[in-house]
Amino acid sequence: MEAVMEVPIESLEGALRSLPFADRLEVCDDLSTEGWTPLPELVRGVRAAMDQDGRMGARVVAMIRPRIAGAVIAPVLEAFIATPTVVEACMREIESMAKAGAHDVAIGLLRKDASVDVEAMQRLAGAARAAGMGVAFLRTLDLVRNRDQAMRDLVDLGMERVVTAGVLGWDASVATIDVRVERLMRDAQIANEYAASRGLNAVTIVPGGGVRASNAREFMRVSSDLHSSCRVGGVLDAEEGCALRAVLDARFR
């Protein structure tokens, strides 16, 4: 088993600072508002930097969250509803990210009843795969009411992985790490059992939300795949990133 570290970045500078310790770079715009679809120029620059660095197997993941007129900024259910306008914008942005060189896209559209919008996600995932990209689900899983059903939906959709803090809502501090890990372990169990019953691939759980070198071992009880902003005081901290990388490598050495 290999450890995988995913880091969200919003600039080429952030990508360059993250390359020594990241296996995946989730390219976004404006992380202060939880991220939006990045400009193609940024994705191209990040992909070029990664290729130049010779990181075989490393991947560029483009977030798909259109910043369109009337978009809700706060990371709440209403911000991720799959309206026809949002879906069409996502389709255009998926095509744009493919042309810019993204290896994967991360999408997470929901229904008004706080469930995964399976129909919208099928269409978007199909477009991404047709363009040669993998598909992951955003942390919007933490906004759904029925997580067990959501995990089954993600398996049916063929999602490769999902980032989640293991809480209901965006504030990871509402639960202790032990409680979060217990929830994440249940997510993995539901996904694995359902996938096995259907002859499908399970979804990789990617713990996120305040993951740091100081607590990474707890989250690695769930998965060898972690998502961390590596930010200290709102700024990407290479020292924290390297420390987290060291914990990951020591665990799976």
Protein backbone atom coordinates (compact mmCIF):
# COMPACT_ATOMS: atom_id res chain seq x y z
CA MET A 1 0.00 0.00 0.00
CA GLU A 2 1.32 3.43 -0.94
CA ALA A 3 0.59 6.66 0.89
CA VAL A 4 -0.98 9.43 -1.18
CA MET A 5 -1.06 13.07 -0.17
CA GLU A 6 -3.42 15.54 -1.86
CA VAL A 7 -2.92 19.27 -1.43
CA PRO A 8 -5.33 21.98 -2.65
CA ILE A 9 -3.59 24.95 -4.25
CA GLU A 10 -4.76 28.20 -5.81
CA SER A 11 -1.60 29.48 -7.52
CA LEU A 12 1.44 28.30 -9.44
CA GLU A 13 3.59 29.38 -6.50
CA GLY A 14 1.54 27.14 -4.23
CA ALA A 15 1.96 24.24 -6.65
CA LEU A 16 5.73 24.67 -6.75
CA ARG A 17 5.92 24.81 -2.96
CA SER A 18 3.81 21.65 -2.71
CA LEU A 19 5.57 19.48 -5.28
CA PRO A 20 8.22 18.14 -2.85
CA PHE A 21 5.55 16.51 -0.67
CA ALA A 22 2.29 16.21 -2.69
CA ASP A 23 1.19 13.34 -4.91
CA ARG A 24 -1.93 15.14 -6.13
CA LEU A 25 -2.55 18.83 -6.51
CA GLU A 26 -6.19 19.90 -6.40
CA VAL A 27 -6.14 23.10 -8.42
CA CYS A 28 -8.77 25.63 -7.31
CA ASP A 29 -9.51 29.33 -7.41
CA ASP A 30 -9.87 31.27 -4.14
CA LEU A 31 -9.46 28.70 -1.38
CA SER A 32 -10.63 31.27 1.16
CA THR A 33 -14.18 30.51 -0.05
CA GLU A 34 -13.50 26.75 -0.30
CA GLY A 35 -12.49 26.89 -3.95
CA TRP A 36 -13.98 27.32 -7.43
CA THR A 37 -13.09 26.10 -10.90
CA PRO A 38 -9.59 27.42 -11.68
CA LEU A 39 -8.60 29.25 -14.82
CA PRO A 40 -7.24 27.00 -17.59
CA GLU A 41 -4.00 28.98 -17.54
CA LEU A 42 -3.34 27.93 -13.96
CA VAL A 43 -4.05 24.26 -14.70
CA ARG A 44 -1.70 24.37 -17.69
CA GLY A 45 1.01 25.97 -15.59
CA VAL A 46 0.64 23.44 -12.79
CA ARG A 47 0.67 20.51 -15.22
CA ALA A 48 3.81 21.88 -16.91
CA ALA A 49 5.54 22.34 -13.55
CA MET A 50 4.62 18.82 -12.49
CA ASP A 51 5.84 17.32 -15.76
CA GLN A 52 9.08 19.29 -15.58
CA ASP A 53 9.61 18.08 -12.03
CA GLY A 54 9.42 14.53 -13.32
CA ARG A 55 6.77 13.44 -10.84
CA MET A 56 5.72 10.15 -12.40
CA GLY A 57 2.28 9.18 -11.19
CA ALA A 58 1.54 12.59 -9.69
CA ARG A 59 -1.79 14.04 -10.77
CA VAL A 60 -3.41 17.41 -11.37
CA VAL A 61 -7.00 17.51 -10.17
CA ALA A 62 -9.19 20.41 -11.28
CA MET A 63 -12.04 21.40 -8.99
CA ILE A 64 -15.31 21.89 -10.87
CA ARG A 65 -17.41 24.50 -9.08
CA PRO A 66 -18.62 27.24 -11.45
CA ARG A 67 -18.53 30.79 -10.16
CA ILE A 68 -21.60 31.92 -12.08
CA ALA A 69 -24.05 34.74 -11.46
CA GLY A 70 -25.98 34.10 -8.27
CA ALA A 71 -23.60 31.40 -7.02
CA VAL A 72 -23.74 30.90 -3.25
CA ILE A 73 -20.31 31.48 -1.72
CA ALA A 74 -20.74 29.77 1.65
CA PRO A 75 -20.12 25.99 1.64
CA VAL A 76 -23.73 25.06 2.33
CA LEU A 77 -26.19 22.79 0.54
CA GLU A 78 -27.59 25.61 -1.59
CA ALA A 79 -24.13 26.24 -3.07
CA PHE A 80 -23.98 22.81 -4.71
CA ILE A 81 -27.48 22.24 -6.06
CA ALA A 82 -27.44 20.84 -9.60
CA THR A 83 -29.58 23.38 -11.43
CA PRO A 84 -29.63 23.20 -15.25
CA THR A 85 -27.49 26.35 -15.38
CA VAL A 86 -24.90 24.87 -13.01
CA VAL A 87 -24.76 21.57 -14.88
CA GLU A 88 -24.23 23.27 -18.23
CA ALA A 89 -21.49 25.45 -16.73
CA CYS A 90 -19.84 22.33 -15.30
CA MET A 91 -19.94 20.66 -18.72
CA ARG A 92 -18.11 23.60 -20.29
CA GLU A 93 -15.56 23.70 -17.51
CA ILE A 94 -14.87 19.96 -17.70
CA GLU A 95 -14.04 20.37 -21.38
CA SER A 96 -11.83 23.35 -20.56
CA MET A 97 -9.96 21.50 -17.80
CA ALA A 98 -9.33 18.53 -20.10
CA LYS A 99 -7.82 20.79 -22.74
CA ALA A 100 -5.67 22.45 -20.06
CA GLY A 101 -4.13 19.12 -19.08
CA ALA A 102 -5.91 18.07 -15.89
CA HIS A 103 -5.62 14.37 -15.09
CA ASP A 104 -8.80 14.36 -12.99
CA VAL A 105 -11.73 16.53 -12.02
CA ALA A 106 -13.46 16.76 -8.64
CA ILE A 107 -17.20 17.43 -8.70
CA GLY A 108 -19.94 17.19 -6.09
CA LEU A 109 -23.49 18.18 -7.07
CA LEU A 110 -26.47 17.58 -4.81
CA ARG A 111 -30.26 17.70 -4.85
CA LYS A 112 -32.40 20.03 -2.77
CA ASP A 113 -33.21 17.13 -0.45
CA ALA A 114 -29.50 16.89 0.46
CA SER A 115 -28.81 13.73 -1.53
CA VAL A 116 -26.34 13.11 -4.33
CA ASP A 117 -27.75 14.23 -7.67
CA VAL A 118 -27.05 10.95 -9.41
CA GLU A 119 -28.42 11.98 -12.81
CA ALA A 120 -26.36 15.19 -12.99
CA MET A 121 -23.26 13.41 -11.74
CA GLN A 122 -23.67 10.64 -14.31
CA ARG A 123 -23.71 13.18 -17.09
CA LEU A 124 -20.71 15.10 -15.79
CA ALA A 125 -18.67 12.02 -14.94
CA GLY A 126 -19.39 10.61 -18.38
CA ALA A 127 -18.13 13.79 -20.04
CA ALA A 128 -14.96 13.79 -17.93
CA ARG A 129 -14.19 10.14 -18.65
CA ALA A 130 -14.85 10.64 -22.36
CA ALA A 131 -12.18 13.35 -22.23
CA GLY A 132 -9.75 10.92 -20.58
CA MET A 133 -9.97 12.19 -17.00
CA GLY A 134 -10.67 10.44 -13.73
CA VAL A 135 -13.49 11.66 -11.48
CA ALA A 136 -13.53 12.29 -7.73
CA PHE A 137 -16.31 13.58 -5.48
CA LEU A 138 -15.92 16.81 -3.56
CA ARG A 139 -16.30 17.22 0.18
CA THR A 140 -19.97 18.00 -0.46
CA LEU A 141 -20.54 14.49 0.87
CA ASP A 142 -20.49 16.20 4.29
CA LEU A 143 -23.67 18.06 3.35
CA VAL A 144 -25.84 15.02 2.60
CA ARG A 145 -28.38 13.73 5.12
CA ASN A 146 -28.07 10.01 4.41
CA ARG A 147 -24.35 9.19 4.15
CA ASP A 148 -24.86 5.45 3.79
CA GLN A 149 -27.01 5.94 0.70
CA ALA A 150 -24.60 8.57 -0.60
CA MET A 151 -21.72 6.09 -0.39
CA ARG A 152 -23.72 3.57 -2.39
CA ASP A 153 -24.52 6.27 -4.94
CA LEU A 154 -20.83 7.12 -5.29
CA VAL A 155 -20.00 3.46 -5.92
CA ASP A 156 -22.70 3.24 -8.60
CA LEU A 157 -21.33 6.42 -10.17
CA GLY A 158 -17.83 4.96 -10.33
CA MET A 159 -16.29 7.73 -8.25
CA GLU A 160 -12.63 6.97 -7.67
CA ARG A 161 -12.47 8.76 -4.32
CA VAL A 162 -14.26 11.22 -2.07
CA VAL A 163 -12.81 13.85 0.27
CA THR A 164 -14.68 14.01 3.57
CA ALA A 165 -14.17 15.27 7.11
CA GLY A 166 -16.57 12.69 8.53
CA VAL A 167 -18.98 15.29 9.90
CA LEU A 168 -22.32 16.81 8.93
CA GLY A 169 -21.55 20.28 7.60
CA TRP A 170 -18.32 22.07 6.80
CA ASP A 171 -17.03 22.74 10.30
CA ALA A 172 -14.86 19.75 11.18
CA SER A 173 -14.41 20.98 14.75
CA VAL A 174 -17.97 19.94 15.68
CA ALA A 175 -16.71 16.39 16.30
CA THR A 176 -13.63 14.85 17.87
CA ILE A 177 -11.14 13.06 15.66
CA ASP A 178 -12.19 9.73 17.18
CA VAL A 179 -15.82 10.36 16.22
CA ARG A 180 -14.81 11.47 12.74
CA VAL A 181 -12.61 8.42 12.22
CA GLU A 182 -15.45 6.14 13.33
CA ARG A 183 -17.76 7.78 10.77
CA LEU A 184 -15.14 7.50 8.03
CA MET A 185 -14.56 3.85 8.81
CA ARG A 186 -18.30 3.24 8.44
CA ASP A 187 -18.23 5.08 5.10
CA ALA A 188 -15.46 2.78 3.92
CA GLN A 189 -17.30 -0.30 5.15
CA ILE A 190 -20.53 0.68 3.40
CA ALA A 191 -18.68 1.42 0.16
CA ASN A 192 -16.62 -1.76 0.24
CA GLU A 193 -19.53 -4.06 1.04
CA TYR A 194 -21.81 -2.49 -1.54
CA ALA A 195 -19.11 -2.53 -4.22
CA ALA A 196 -18.38 -6.19 -3.54
CA SER A 197 -22.07 -7.07 -3.79
CA ARG A 198 -22.30 -5.36 -7.19
CA GLY A 199 -18.93 -6.39 -8.60
CA LEU A 200 -17.88 -2.73 -8.72
CA ASN A 201 -14.87 -0.79 -7.52
CA ALA A 202 -15.10 0.73 -4.06
CA VAL A 203 -14.64 4.44 -3.45
CA THR A 204 -11.42 5.51 -1.74
CA ILE A 205 -12.14 7.56 1.37
CA VAL A 206 -9.83 10.58 1.56
CA PRO A 207 -9.94 12.12 5.05
CA GLY A 208 -9.77 15.92 4.95
CA GLY A 209 -10.62 18.88 7.13
CA GLY A 210 -7.84 19.87 9.50
CA VAL A 211 -5.54 16.95 8.68
CA ARG A 212 -2.06 17.71 9.99
CA ALA A 213 1.15 15.89 10.81
CA SER A 214 0.07 15.92 14.46
CA ASN A 215 -3.12 13.91 13.82
CA ALA A 216 -2.41 12.10 10.55
CA ARG A 217 -1.84 8.72 12.18
CA GLU A 218 -5.42 8.73 13.45
CA PHE A 219 -6.84 9.38 9.99
CA MET A 220 -4.56 6.74 8.49
CA ARG A 221 -6.59 4.18 10.41
CA VAL A 222 -9.13 4.81 7.67
CA SER A 223 -7.03 5.41 4.58
CA SER A 224 -3.51 5.80 3.25
CA ASP A 225 -4.87 8.66 1.14
CA LEU A 226 -5.09 12.05 2.90
CA HIS A 227 -6.15 15.57 1.88
CA SER A 228 -4.52 18.51 3.65
CA SER A 229 -4.24 22.20 2.87
CA CYS A 230 -0.96 22.29 4.83
CA ARG A 231 -1.88 25.84 5.79
CA VAL A 232 -0.79 27.63 8.92
CA GLY A 233 -2.48 30.98 9.54
CA GLY A 234 -4.15 30.71 6.13
CA VAL A 235 -0.81 30.37 4.31
CA LEU A 236 0.58 27.20 2.75
CA ASP A 237 3.38 26.02 5.02
CA ALA A 238 6.01 23.84 3.34
CA GLU A 239 7.39 22.76 6.71
CA GLU A 240 3.98 21.37 7.72
CA GLY A 241 3.67 19.69 4.34
CA CYS A 242 7.02 17.98 4.67
CA ALA A 243 6.22 16.90 8.23
CA LEU A 244 2.94 15.35 7.07
CA ARG A 245 4.74 13.63 4.20
CA ALA A 246 7.21 12.15 6.66
CA VAL A 247 4.40 10.74 8.80
CA LEU A 248 2.78 9.16 5.74
CA ASP A 249 6.00 7.63 4.49
CA ALA A 250 6.95 6.30 7.93
CA ARG A 251 3.55 4.63 8.31
CA PHE A 252 3.75 2.75 5.01
CA ARG A 253 7.49 2.22 4.73
